[in-house]
Each structure stands twice: as C-alpha cells, then as structure tokens.
Protein backbone atom coordinates (compact mmCIF):
# COMPACT_ATOMS: atom_id res chain seq x y z
CA UNK A 1 0.00 0.00 0.00
CA UNK A 2 1.33 3.38 -0.95
CA UNK A 3 -0.30 5.55 1.70
CA UNK A 4 -2.32 5.19 4.91
CA UNK A 5 -5.46 6.57 3.28
CA UNK A 6 -5.34 3.83 0.63
CA UNK A 7 -5.23 1.05 3.21
CA UNK A 8 -8.38 -1.05 3.42
CA UNK A 9 -9.21 -1.53 7.10
CA UNK A 10 -11.84 -4.07 6.09
CA UNK A 11 -9.30 -6.46 4.64
CA UNK A 12 -6.83 -6.70 7.53
CA UNK A 13 -8.61 -9.28 9.70
CA UNK A 14 -11.97 -11.09 9.49
CA UNK A 15 -12.86 -9.96 13.01
CA UNK A 16 -11.80 -6.54 14.27
CA UNK A 17 -11.42 -6.69 18.06
CA UNK A 18 -13.37 -3.83 19.64
CA UNK A 19 -11.74 -3.17 22.99
CA UNK A 20 -12.45 -1.00 26.03
CA UNK A 21 -9.63 -0.69 28.57
CA UNK A 22 -9.06 1.02 31.89
CA UNK A 23 -5.27 0.86 31.80
CA UNK A 24 -2.50 1.07 29.24
CA UNK A 25 -0.86 -1.97 30.79
CA UNK A 26 -3.91 -4.12 30.14
CA UNK A 27 -4.13 -2.72 26.62
CA UNK A 28 -0.61 -3.89 25.80
CA UNK A 29 -1.29 -7.36 27.21
CA UNK A 30 -4.52 -7.62 25.22
CA UNK A 31 -2.82 -6.49 22.03
CA UNK A 32 -0.05 -9.05 22.45
CA UNK A 33 -2.62 -11.79 23.07
CA UNK A 34 -4.54 -10.83 19.93
CA UNK A 35 -1.40 -10.88 17.80
CA UNK A 36 -0.44 -14.27 19.24
CA UNK A 37 -3.86 -15.55 18.19
CA UNK A 38 -3.48 -14.31 14.63
CA UNK A 39 -5.41 -11.03 14.79
CA UNK A 40 -2.86 -8.23 14.27
CA UNK A 41 -5.38 -5.41 14.64
CA UNK A 42 -7.29 -3.67 17.40
CA UNK A 43 -9.95 -0.95 17.64
CA UNK A 44 -9.31 0.77 20.97
CA UNK A 45 -12.45 2.70 21.87
CA UNK A 46 -12.21 6.20 23.31
CA UNK A 47 -14.65 5.41 26.11
CA UNK A 48 -12.28 5.65 29.07
CA UNK A 49 -9.69 8.18 30.27
CA UNK A 50 -6.97 5.60 29.62
CA UNK A 51 -7.75 5.18 25.92
CA UNK A 52 -5.25 7.59 24.36
CA UNK A 53 -2.43 6.42 26.63
CA UNK A 54 -3.38 2.86 25.75
CA UNK A 55 -3.06 3.61 22.04
CA UNK A 56 0.39 5.14 22.62
CA UNK A 57 1.50 2.14 24.66
CA UNK A 58 0.37 -0.39 22.06
CA UNK A 59 2.08 1.53 19.26
CA UNK A 60 5.30 1.62 21.30
CA UNK A 61 5.29 -1.93 22.68
CA UNK A 62 3.46 -4.20 20.23
CA UNK A 63 5.13 -4.29 16.82
CA UNK A 64 3.17 -5.50 13.84
CA UNK A 65 -0.31 -4.60 15.07
CA UNK A 66 -2.66 -2.15 13.35
CA UNK A 67 -4.02 0.20 16.01
CA UNK A 68 -7.26 2.07 15.52
CA UNK A 69 -9.26 4.49 17.63
CA UNK A 70 -12.97 3.81 17.91
CA UNK A 71 -15.99 5.64 19.32
CA UNK A 72 -14.87 8.89 17.70
CA UNK A 73 -17.90 11.05 18.54
CA UNK A 74 -16.41 14.57 18.55
CA UNK A 75 -14.42 16.24 15.75
CA UNK A 76 -11.49 17.02 18.06
CA UNK A 77 -11.05 13.37 18.98
CA UNK A 78 -9.89 12.53 15.47
CA UNK A 79 -6.80 14.73 15.80
CA UNK A 80 -6.13 13.52 19.35
CA UNK A 81 -6.29 9.90 18.22
CA UNK A 82 -3.92 10.57 15.33
CA UNK A 83 -1.52 12.30 17.72
CA UNK A 84 -1.56 9.25 19.99
CA UNK A 85 -0.51 7.07 17.06
CA UNK A 86 -3.81 5.64 15.83
CA UNK A 87 -3.57 4.27 12.30
CA UNK A 88 -7.28 4.32 11.53
CA UNK A 89 -10.46 5.83 12.97
CA UNK A 90 -13.95 4.49 13.58
CA UNK A 91 -17.10 6.42 14.49
CA UNK A 92 -20.50 5.03 15.51
CA UNK A 93 -22.16 7.65 13.32
CA UNK A 94 -21.14 10.68 11.34
CA UNK A 95 -21.97 14.37 10.92
CA UNK A 96 -20.59 16.89 8.45
CA UNK A 97 -18.05 18.25 10.92
CA UNK A 98 -17.06 14.75 12.01
CA UNK A 99 -16.54 13.71 8.42
CA UNK A 100 -14.27 16.68 7.72
CA UNK A 101 -12.29 16.10 10.92
CA UNK A 102 -11.60 12.46 10.08
CA UNK A 103 -10.76 13.28 6.47
CA UNK A 104 -8.33 15.98 7.60
CA UNK A 105 -6.21 13.43 9.48
CA UNK A 106 -5.36 11.61 6.27
CA UNK A 107 -6.02 8.32 8.07
CA UNK A 108 -8.33 5.57 6.84
CA UNK A 109 -11.64 5.74 8.67
CA UNK A 110 -14.95 3.94 8.94
CA UNK A 111 -17.91 6.29 9.48
CA UNK A 112 -20.89 4.70 11.16
CA UNK A 113 -24.10 4.17 9.18
CA UNK A 114 -27.38 2.48 10.09
CA UNK A 115 -29.67 3.36 7.16
CA UNK A 116 -29.64 3.32 3.37
CA UNK A 117 -29.72 7.12 3.31
CA UNK A 118 -26.64 7.35 5.52
CA UNK A 119 -24.80 4.84 3.33
CA UNK A 120 -25.75 6.84 0.22
CA UNK A 121 -24.56 10.08 1.82
CA UNK A 122 -21.21 8.47 2.55
CA UNK A 123 -20.95 7.21 -1.01
CA UNK A 124 -21.67 10.72 -2.31
CA UNK A 125 -18.71 11.91 -0.22
CA UNK A 126 -16.50 9.30 -1.89
CA UNK A 127 -16.43 6.93 1.08
CA UNK A 128 -17.11 3.29 0.27
CA UNK A 129 -15.90 1.53 3.44
CA UNK A 130 -18.33 1.96 6.31
CA UNK A 131 -19.21 0.77 9.77
CA UNK A 132 -22.72 -0.68 10.15
CA UNK A 133 -23.80 0.09 13.70
CA UNK A 134 -25.62 -1.08 15.74
CA UNK A 135 -25.71 -4.09 13.45
CA UNK A 136 -28.08 -6.48 15.18
CA UNK A 137 -30.47 -3.75 16.31
CA UNK A 138 -30.53 -2.22 12.80
CA UNK A 139 -31.55 -5.29 10.84
CA UNK A 140 -28.40 -7.37 10.87
CA UNK A 141 -27.69 -9.81 8.06
CA UNK A 142 -31.11 -9.33 6.46
CA UNK A 143 -30.56 -5.57 6.13
CA UNK A 144 -27.13 -5.96 4.53
CA UNK A 145 -28.47 -8.55 2.10
CA UNK A 146 -31.28 -6.21 1.11
CA UNK A 147 -29.03 -3.23 0.31
CA UNK A 148 -26.28 -5.17 -1.49
CA UNK A 149 -27.89 -4.65 -4.90
CA UNK A 150 -29.12 -1.03 -4.51
CA UNK A 151 -25.79 0.21 -3.10
CA UNK A 152 -23.21 -2.29 -4.39
CA UNK A 153 -20.26 0.09 -3.90
CA UNK A 154 -20.66 0.12 -0.12
CA UNK A 155 -18.67 -2.33 1.98
CA UNK A 156 -19.21 -2.71 5.68
CA UNK A 157 -17.76 -3.68 9.02
CA UNK A 158 -20.90 -4.60 11.00
CA UNK A 159 -20.50 -4.04 14.74
CA UNK A 160 -22.88 -4.22 17.66
CA UNK A 161 -24.38 -7.38 19.10
CA UNK A 162 -22.37 -9.73 16.88
CA UNK A 163 -21.14 -12.96 18.46
CA UNK A 164 -18.81 -15.77 17.51
CA UNK A 165 -21.90 -17.72 16.44
CA UNK A 166 -23.39 -15.01 14.23
CA UNK A 167 -20.16 -13.68 12.71
CA UNK A 168 -19.94 -16.29 9.91
CA UNK A 169 -23.37 -15.26 8.57
CA UNK A 170 -22.15 -11.69 8.21
CA UNK A 171 -18.79 -12.65 6.73
CA UNK A 172 -20.53 -14.70 4.05
CA UNK A 173 -22.10 -11.54 2.60
CA UNK A 174 -20.41 -9.96 -0.44
CA UNK A 175 -20.66 -6.43 1.02
CA UNK A 176 -19.02 -7.32 4.34
CA UNK A 177 -15.24 -7.19 4.70
CA UNK A 178 -14.96 -7.86 8.41
CA UNK A 179 -17.04 -7.72 11.58
CA UNK A 180 -16.36 -5.90 14.82
CA UNK A 181 -16.25 -8.13 17.86
CA UNK A 182 -16.15 -7.35 21.56
CA UNK A 183 -16.49 -11.00 22.55
CA UNK A 184 -12.76 -11.50 22.00
CA UNK A 185 -11.86 -9.69 25.22
CA UNK A 186 -14.28 -10.85 27.95
CA UNK A 187 -14.27 -8.63 31.02
CA UNK A 188 -13.53 -11.52 33.35
CA UNK A 189 -10.53 -12.60 31.26
CA UNK A 190 -9.11 -9.07 31.33
CA UNK A 191 -9.77 -8.69 35.04
CA UNK A 192 -8.00 -11.96 35.84
CA UNK A 193 -5.19 -11.49 33.33
CA UNK A 194 -6.19 -14.60 31.41
CA UNK A 195 -4.40 -13.57 28.23
CA UNK A 196 -4.26 -17.17 26.98
CA UNK A 197 -8.04 -17.21 26.79
CA UNK A 198 -8.00 -14.07 24.65
CA UNK A 199 -5.37 -15.65 22.40
CA UNK A 200 -7.59 -18.71 21.97
CA UNK A 201 -10.63 -16.58 21.12
CA UNK A 202 -8.52 -14.59 18.66
CA UNK A 203 -7.30 -17.76 16.96
CA UNK A 204 -10.88 -18.95 16.54
CA UNK A 205 -11.88 -15.60 15.08
CA UNK A 206 -8.87 -15.51 12.76
CA UNK A 207 -10.07 -18.79 11.25
CA UNK A 208 -13.35 -17.13 10.15
CA UNK A 209 -12.02 -16.16 6.75
CA UNK A 210 -14.60 -14.03 4.89
C-alpha cells in the first residue's frame, strides 16, 4: 500500500477486536494476546480516560499490530487519536463536521451508518468503506443482504451485538469485509489477566475467513 489513506481496514482481519480498557498496561497485554492468536489489529475505543495512553503504549510496545481508535464522537477526537498514534479511525455515526475532521487526518476511517440514506450520503462523499452500527439492532444480516444490490459500492464492518456464532453469517455476505467483535476480550478474562483465553478466542476468530 502506498499511503495510509489507501489502506483497506476491512481487509486486515476477518474480526476486528473492539476493545475498552481502563489501563495502558492491560491494553498492551490484550494487544499481544490478539497478535499471538493471529489477529494483528485492534480498535481501541475512546470510552475511558486511559484510551489515548493505551493507544500510545500499544504503538510503542506491540510491533506488527494495526491500532485504531474507535468511538470517535467529537471532531477534536480525530486529531487527538492521530496524535496518539492511531492508524485508523472508527465512528458510531457521522456528521458533516465529524466527516471533515476524520478526512483531515489523512487516516483511513470507517464512518458509522445504520440506514440506506446514511450509506448513500457516505458514497456521495466518496467513502465506500463503512461501519454498520448497531448491526443487530438495525436489521443485521437481512438488512445488509437487502441493500447489497441497490448500493453495491458500499462495503461494511458490521459491529454491535455480533457474536462468535453469528459472525460467519455476516462474513458470508459480499458487502461485508470484516465484523467488529467485543467478545474476544471478555471482562472476566481481562480482570484476571487470562491472556491465553484471549489468544484462543482470537485464533478462533482468525479462522473465520470471509
């Protein structure tokens, strides 16, 4: 790939780990466990005060992993995430100012969409790779099947309510490149430091080739 903007986030891993952390130390351990399981990518959500430090720590200490910042809900967060070392951005939805802020970083990004109109608006802005959120609550597999023909240029990373059991149904769709999964980092495994369990879950997810 010749530039970050040209990178396809959807084609890096079949399951994008969506992770919330309370400490940078845990973030590094989680990232290492994911890489060991064959998933060299992570979407670190900006839902806690530790998130930006966690992104910095992963970038510094875990070579070979693609680090993204998720839950970008304010324009200023895009620049902060880039400054922390994020290599891609993900938002649950998008507004005009949010779109400009993410574009200005020069990083690949997945704007959130939940309707046909939102997907069409993104396509009009030249954006073809999108987040579908909240996937299960917004129609899930049936919705994505229904819009594949009317908006064939749009490709999605469905996130929200997806499980290890339902992921294959999404990945079988032609307009899905990957799915977002929070099941890869169970709270009890993180709390107990059971990194081997996360590695096992990552290995299972890595085998779900779309």
